[in-house]
Amino acid sequence: MENPISRTAYYTLGVRAWDAAQMKPLCGDTFAACFMNPEAERIWQQFKDFHRPNASNAARHAIIDEHLSAELTAHPDGRAILIGAGFDTRAFRLKGGDWIEVDEPAILKYKEAELPAASAPNPLTRVPIDFLHDSLANRLGPLATQEPVHLVIEGVLMYLTHAQRVELTGVLRDLFPIHFVYCDLMRRSFLERYSRDLHTEILGIGASFSDMTEAPENLFTDS
């Protein structure tokens, strides 16, 4: 994984693989285990003792599952675009939807080898992008539509600078005028009170939270 932020995808993958093995899983991602290679296991070992953050991570995934499932049950042909998809397997687990996974080429290449898009029960397209060098507007431009779109931005925003977040929301607003965003937001005070140790571990794998604020929701309300 050339982009160090991509290593966090192994952490969240490890969470879902761990969750799926529990007696009462929160999101029950049984496909996660197929991606657990030695690197993923090494990173999971660094994070496995963060019990509350790990449970919160699995719960976050389950909450988004629940909302998306409700929407796609009502509108089975709805398009779902996952920005920074990581090892997401919703196209295989949820019923309905026309799925687009957008992420670094290394991640999508590995996913394709282990769980090919063609084997998904729903339409699935994987769009590689080098987030550091490629234009998101150019990569997503061919997908622009006036139809409603579901945008999943999970476990991503806290790693972006404020300028990058504003640029991201601007691109999505321009390309998809009618859209619903499913994301997680973290307050600076929450980070300082509950997530210092976790963030230290994240720093150790080469990633970092950026430009944390006390009102992260303003990114959307200001738009």
Protein backbone atom coordinates (compact mmCIF):
# COMPACT_ATOMS: atom_id res chain seq x y z
CA MET A 1 0.00 0.00 0.00
CA GLU A 2 1.96 3.06 -1.20
CA ASN A 3 -0.33 5.64 0.36
CA PRO A 4 0.14 5.36 4.15
CA ILE A 5 -3.49 6.32 4.77
CA SER A 6 -4.43 3.12 2.93
CA ARG A 7 -2.94 1.17 5.84
CA THR A 8 -5.89 2.28 7.94
CA ALA A 9 -8.05 0.24 5.57
CA TYR A 10 -6.36 -2.85 7.03
CA TYR A 11 -7.29 -1.70 10.52
CA THR A 12 -10.98 -1.29 9.72
CA LEU A 13 -10.84 -4.57 7.79
CA GLY A 14 -9.47 -6.26 10.90
CA VAL A 15 -12.31 -4.80 12.95
CA ARG A 16 -14.95 -6.25 10.63
CA ALA A 17 -13.22 -9.64 10.46
CA TRP A 18 -13.09 -9.69 14.28
CA ASP A 19 -16.73 -8.59 14.52
CA ALA A 20 -17.91 -11.27 12.10
CA ALA A 21 -16.33 -13.95 14.31
CA GLN A 22 -18.28 -12.87 17.41
CA MET A 23 -21.33 -14.74 18.70
CA LYS A 24 -23.47 -11.66 18.09
CA PRO A 25 -21.74 -9.55 15.40
CA LEU A 26 -22.76 -5.96 14.84
CA CYS A 27 -22.32 -5.82 11.07
CA GLY A 28 -21.48 -9.45 10.32
CA ASP A 29 -19.18 -8.87 7.36
CA THR A 30 -18.36 -12.49 6.62
CA PHE A 31 -16.43 -11.48 3.50
CA ALA A 32 -13.81 -9.52 5.49
CA ALA A 33 -11.81 -12.64 6.36
CA CYS A 34 -10.94 -13.29 2.71
CA PHE A 35 -8.79 -10.11 2.67
CA MET A 36 -6.89 -10.84 5.90
CA ASN A 37 -3.31 -11.33 4.69
CA PRO A 38 -0.14 -11.18 6.87
CA GLU A 39 0.07 -7.37 6.60
CA ALA A 40 -3.56 -6.98 7.62
CA GLU A 41 -3.03 -9.35 10.54
CA ARG A 42 0.10 -7.47 11.62
CA ILE A 43 -1.78 -4.17 11.72
CA TRP A 44 -4.77 -5.74 13.45
CA GLN A 45 -2.47 -6.99 16.21
CA GLN A 46 -1.53 -3.37 16.89
CA PHE A 47 -5.17 -2.35 17.31
CA LYS A 48 -6.96 -5.43 18.65
CA ASP A 49 -6.86 -4.27 22.29
CA PHE A 50 -8.69 -0.99 21.57
CA HIS A 51 -11.97 -2.66 22.49
CA ARG A 52 -14.30 0.34 22.62
CA PRO A 53 -13.01 2.05 19.45
CA ASN A 54 -13.17 -1.28 17.63
CA ALA A 55 -16.76 -1.89 18.71
CA SER A 56 -17.61 1.69 17.75
CA ASN A 57 -16.05 1.14 14.33
CA ALA A 58 -18.14 -1.99 13.75
CA ALA A 59 -21.27 -0.18 14.98
CA ARG A 60 -20.61 2.71 12.60
CA HIS A 61 -20.46 0.27 9.71
CA ALA A 62 -23.66 -1.43 10.85
CA ILE A 63 -25.52 1.89 11.15
CA ILE A 64 -24.60 2.84 7.58
CA ASP A 65 -25.62 -0.67 6.46
CA GLU A 66 -29.03 -0.17 8.05
CA HIS A 67 -29.68 3.19 6.37
CA LEU A 68 -28.44 2.03 2.97
CA SER A 69 -30.45 -1.19 3.16
CA ALA A 70 -33.63 0.77 3.82
CA GLU A 71 -33.00 3.08 0.86
CA LEU A 72 -32.02 0.30 -1.55
CA THR A 73 -34.98 -1.82 -0.54
CA ALA A 74 -37.23 1.06 -1.52
CA HIS A 75 -35.17 1.91 -4.64
CA PRO A 76 -33.23 -1.21 -5.76
CA ASP A 77 -31.68 0.56 -8.75
CA GLY A 78 -30.22 3.36 -6.63
CA ARG A 79 -26.55 4.16 -7.15
CA ALA A 80 -24.16 3.96 -4.19
CA ILE A 81 -20.68 5.48 -4.56
CA LEU A 82 -18.10 4.65 -1.91
CA ILE A 83 -15.32 7.27 -1.67
CA GLY A 84 -12.25 5.66 -0.11
CA ALA A 85 -14.01 2.30 -0.21
CA GLY A 86 -11.18 0.34 1.36
CA PHE A 87 -12.22 -3.28 1.88
CA ASP A 88 -15.93 -2.51 1.92
CA THR A 89 -18.08 -5.49 0.83
CA ARG A 90 -21.56 -3.96 0.87
CA ALA A 91 -22.09 -4.72 -2.83
CA PHE A 92 -21.86 -8.40 -1.84
CA ARG A 93 -23.84 -8.21 1.40
CA LEU A 94 -26.70 -5.77 0.85
CA LYS A 95 -29.66 -6.36 -1.43
CA GLY A 96 -30.00 -3.98 -4.37
CA GLY A 97 -27.95 -1.05 -5.57
CA ASP A 98 -25.64 -0.12 -8.43
CA TRP A 99 -22.30 0.10 -6.65
CA ILE A 100 -19.17 2.14 -7.40
CA GLU A 101 -16.03 1.63 -5.28
CA VAL A 102 -13.43 4.41 -5.50
CA ASP A 103 -10.00 3.96 -3.92
CA GLU A 104 -6.26 3.58 -4.44
CA PRO A 105 -5.20 1.22 -7.26
CA ALA A 106 -3.31 -1.12 -4.88
CA ILE A 107 -6.39 -1.70 -2.73
CA LEU A 108 -8.74 -2.29 -5.64
CA LYS A 109 -6.27 -4.59 -7.40
CA TYR A 110 -5.99 -6.72 -4.27
CA LYS A 111 -9.77 -6.73 -3.78
CA GLU A 112 -10.32 -7.77 -7.38
CA ALA A 113 -7.95 -10.73 -6.95
CA GLU A 114 -9.67 -11.97 -3.80
CA LEU A 115 -13.29 -10.96 -4.45
CA PRO A 116 -13.88 -10.06 -8.12
CA ALA A 117 -16.47 -7.41 -8.92
CA ALA A 118 -18.07 -9.77 -11.42
CA SER A 119 -18.95 -12.17 -8.60
CA ALA A 120 -21.04 -9.58 -6.72
CA PRO A 121 -24.81 -10.18 -6.73
CA ASN A 122 -25.29 -6.47 -7.50
CA PRO A 123 -23.71 -4.40 -10.30
CA LEU A 124 -20.25 -3.30 -9.08
CA THR A 125 -17.66 -1.09 -10.73
CA ARG A 126 -14.27 -0.32 -9.19
CA VAL A 127 -12.69 3.04 -10.03
CA PRO A 128 -8.98 3.36 -9.14
CA ILE A 129 -7.67 6.77 -8.15
CA ASP A 130 -4.39 8.08 -6.78
CA PHE A 131 -5.86 10.51 -4.25
CA LEU A 132 -2.56 12.41 -3.99
CA HIS A 133 -2.22 13.09 -7.71
CA ASP A 134 -5.43 12.37 -9.62
CA SER A 135 -8.40 14.69 -9.97
CA LEU A 136 -11.48 13.29 -8.24
CA ALA A 137 -13.66 15.42 -10.51
CA ASN A 138 -12.06 13.86 -13.60
CA ARG A 139 -12.28 10.31 -12.30
CA LEU A 140 -15.91 10.64 -11.24
CA GLY A 141 -16.95 12.92 -14.09
CA PRO A 142 -18.25 10.08 -16.31
CA LEU A 143 -20.59 9.08 -13.46
CA ALA A 144 -22.21 12.51 -13.11
CA THR A 145 -26.00 12.33 -12.97
CA GLN A 146 -29.09 14.31 -12.08
CA GLU A 147 -30.54 11.21 -10.41
CA PRO A 148 -30.30 10.68 -6.64
CA VAL A 149 -27.00 9.16 -5.49
CA HIS A 150 -25.94 7.65 -2.16
CA LEU A 151 -22.41 8.71 -1.21
CA VAL A 152 -20.58 6.71 1.47
CA ILE A 153 -17.55 8.49 2.94
CA GLU A 154 -16.73 6.25 5.88
CA GLY A 155 -13.54 6.56 7.92
CA VAL A 156 -12.14 9.17 5.54
CA LEU A 157 -12.92 12.76 6.49
CA MET A 158 -10.80 12.90 9.65
CA TYR A 159 -7.68 12.20 7.58
CA LEU A 160 -8.28 15.10 5.17
CA THR A 161 -7.30 18.73 5.65
CA HIS A 162 -10.09 21.29 5.80
CA ALA A 163 -9.25 22.43 2.27
CA GLN A 164 -9.43 18.84 1.01
CA ARG A 165 -12.80 18.33 2.67
CA VAL A 166 -14.21 21.49 1.11
CA GLU A 167 -12.87 20.47 -2.30
CA LEU A 168 -14.37 16.97 -1.91
CA THR A 169 -17.84 18.22 -0.99
CA GLY A 170 -17.71 20.75 -3.82
CA VAL A 171 -16.89 18.07 -6.40
CA LEU A 172 -19.64 15.80 -5.13
CA ARG A 173 -22.17 18.63 -5.11
CA ASP A 174 -21.30 19.58 -8.69
CA LEU A 175 -21.38 16.05 -10.09
CA PHE A 176 -24.33 14.75 -8.06
CA PRO A 177 -26.75 17.62 -7.33
CA ILE A 178 -29.18 15.24 -5.62
CA HIS A 179 -27.25 13.15 -3.12
CA PHE A 180 -27.31 11.65 0.35
CA VAL A 181 -24.08 11.44 2.36
CA TYR A 182 -23.34 8.65 4.83
CA CYS A 183 -20.24 9.52 6.85
CA ASP A 184 -18.73 9.69 10.32
CA LEU A 185 -17.63 12.94 11.97
CA MET A 186 -15.41 13.43 15.02
CA ARG A 187 -15.22 16.46 17.30
CA ARG A 188 -11.82 17.68 18.46
CA SER A 189 -12.89 17.30 22.10
CA PHE A 190 -13.86 13.67 21.46
CA LEU A 191 -10.41 13.00 19.99
CA GLU A 192 -8.69 14.60 22.96
CA ARG A 193 -10.81 12.84 25.57
CA TYR A 194 -11.31 9.37 24.12
CA SER A 195 -9.03 8.77 21.15
CA ARG A 196 -5.53 9.96 22.03
CA ASP A 197 -4.09 6.45 22.44
CA LEU A 198 -5.80 5.23 19.28
CA HIS A 199 -4.51 8.22 17.32
CA THR A 200 -0.98 7.54 18.58
CA GLU A 201 -1.24 4.04 17.12
CA ILE A 202 -2.59 5.47 13.86
CA LEU A 203 0.39 7.82 13.70
CA GLY A 204 2.57 4.75 14.02
CA ILE A 205 1.28 3.33 10.74
CA GLY A 206 1.86 6.60 8.91
CA ALA A 207 -1.55 8.28 8.99
CA SER A 208 -2.92 11.18 11.04
CA PHE A 209 -6.14 13.00 11.80
CA SER A 210 -6.10 16.52 10.36
CA ASP A 211 -7.70 19.90 11.11
CA MET A 212 -10.00 18.60 13.81
CA THR A 213 -12.74 21.05 14.81
CA GLU A 214 -15.46 21.23 17.42
CA ALA A 215 -18.18 21.49 14.76
CA PRO A 216 -17.24 19.09 11.93
CA GLU A 217 -20.86 19.12 10.75
CA ASN A 218 -20.28 22.65 9.43
CA LEU A 219 -18.60 21.06 6.42
CA PHE A 220 -22.07 20.11 5.26
CA THR A 221 -24.32 22.77 6.79
CA ASP A 222 -22.14 25.49 5.22
CA SER A 223 -22.70 23.85 1.84
